[in-house]
Amino acid sequence: QGKIKTRIVGGCRMKEKILEFIREINPYEEINADTSLMSEGILDSLTLVILIDEMESAFGVQIPESMLQPEYFENANQIAELIAGLLEKQNS
């Protein structure tokens, strides 16, 4: 049970870090974990590249080209799931 709790806490920290990156890229918008980043224009193709670079460096993952689709980056929750899945694959 302790292992599951640690994972959840890690996921929350990851989500906060992702939100921090997004807020640095676009500091003029109110952003939370459910904010529609792509459809609301908070992220575009250029800012998405910047975000991906930040996340790959911070979390030590490589996001495959096949996953560089807007649906994977619609909100911070989806981005955190993507990163967590990549980390899990990497560590197994």
Protein backbone atom coordinates (compact mmCIF):
# COMPACT_ATOMS: atom_id res chain seq x y z
CA GLN A 1 0.00 0.00 0.00
CA GLY A 2 2.88 2.39 0.74
CA LYS A 3 4.18 1.87 -2.80
CA ILE A 4 0.86 2.95 -4.34
CA LYS A 5 0.72 6.07 -2.14
CA THR A 6 4.25 7.05 -3.20
CA ARG A 7 3.28 6.69 -6.86
CA ILE A 8 0.25 8.93 -6.41
CA VAL A 9 2.34 11.57 -4.63
CA GLY A 10 4.92 11.29 -7.40
CA GLY A 11 2.15 11.79 -9.97
CA CYS A 12 0.94 14.92 -8.16
CA ARG A 13 4.46 16.31 -8.07
CA MET A 14 4.87 15.51 -11.75
CA LYS A 15 1.61 17.28 -12.59
CA GLU A 16 2.68 20.34 -10.58
CA LYS A 17 6.01 20.41 -12.42
CA ILE A 18 4.21 20.17 -15.77
CA LEU A 19 1.89 23.02 -14.74
CA GLU A 20 4.95 25.03 -13.70
CA PHE A 21 6.51 24.54 -17.16
CA ILE A 22 3.26 25.56 -18.89
CA ARG A 23 2.91 28.65 -16.70
CA GLU A 24 6.49 29.66 -17.54
CA ILE A 25 5.70 29.32 -21.26
CA ASN A 26 2.40 31.20 -21.00
CA PRO A 27 2.34 33.23 -17.77
CA TYR A 28 -0.67 35.33 -18.75
CA GLU A 29 -3.27 32.55 -18.60
CA GLU A 30 -5.04 30.92 -15.64
CA ILE A 31 -4.03 27.30 -15.95
CA ASN A 32 -4.99 24.25 -13.90
CA ALA A 33 -4.71 20.50 -14.47
CA ASP A 34 -7.94 20.39 -16.52
CA THR A 35 -7.39 23.50 -18.66
CA SER A 36 -7.71 22.67 -22.39
CA LEU A 37 -4.24 23.72 -23.45
CA MET A 38 -4.45 23.10 -27.18
CA SER A 39 -8.06 24.07 -27.92
CA GLU A 40 -7.79 27.26 -25.83
CA GLY A 41 -4.59 28.24 -27.64
CA ILE A 42 -2.41 28.15 -24.52
CA LEU A 43 -0.06 25.77 -26.33
CA ASP A 44 0.66 25.91 -30.05
CA SER A 45 3.18 24.01 -32.15
CA LEU A 46 6.12 26.18 -31.04
CA THR A 47 5.28 26.26 -27.33
CA LEU A 48 4.56 22.53 -27.43
CA VAL A 49 8.12 21.89 -28.65
CA ILE A 50 9.44 24.01 -25.77
CA LEU A 51 7.27 22.12 -23.26
CA ILE A 52 8.37 18.74 -24.61
CA ASP A 53 12.03 19.74 -24.37
CA GLU A 54 11.56 20.87 -20.74
CA MET A 55 9.75 17.65 -19.80
CA GLU A 56 12.22 15.35 -21.51
CA SER A 57 15.06 17.01 -19.61
CA ALA A 58 13.25 17.16 -16.25
CA PHE A 59 11.79 13.64 -16.27
CA GLY A 60 14.51 11.84 -18.24
CA VAL A 61 12.18 10.49 -20.91
CA GLN A 62 12.10 10.59 -24.68
CA ILE A 63 8.64 11.26 -26.11
CA PRO A 64 8.34 9.19 -29.31
CA GLU A 65 7.34 10.97 -32.53
CA SER A 66 4.18 8.84 -32.68
CA MET A 67 3.01 10.52 -29.46
CA LEU A 68 3.61 14.07 -30.64
CA GLN A 69 -0.11 14.49 -31.30
CA PRO A 70 -2.32 17.24 -29.84
CA GLU A 71 -4.60 14.72 -28.09
CA TYR A 72 -1.74 13.70 -25.78
CA PHE A 73 -1.24 17.32 -24.71
CA GLU A 74 -4.80 18.58 -24.22
CA ASN A 75 -4.37 19.18 -20.47
CA ALA A 76 -1.84 18.66 -17.68
CA ASN A 77 -3.61 15.50 -16.50
CA GLN A 78 -3.17 13.86 -19.92
CA ILE A 79 0.44 15.02 -20.15
CA ALA A 80 1.19 13.56 -16.70
CA GLU A 81 -0.38 10.23 -17.76
CA LEU A 82 1.76 10.23 -20.91
CA ILE A 83 4.98 10.90 -18.96
CA ALA A 84 4.07 8.36 -16.24
CA GLY A 85 3.44 5.72 -18.91
CA LEU A 86 6.77 6.44 -20.59
CA LEU A 87 8.59 6.28 -17.24
CA GLU A 88 6.89 2.99 -16.41
CA LYS A 89 7.96 1.48 -19.76
CA GLN A 90 11.46 2.82 -19.30
CA ASN A 91 11.78 1.32 -15.81
CA SER A 92 10.35 -2.12 -16.62
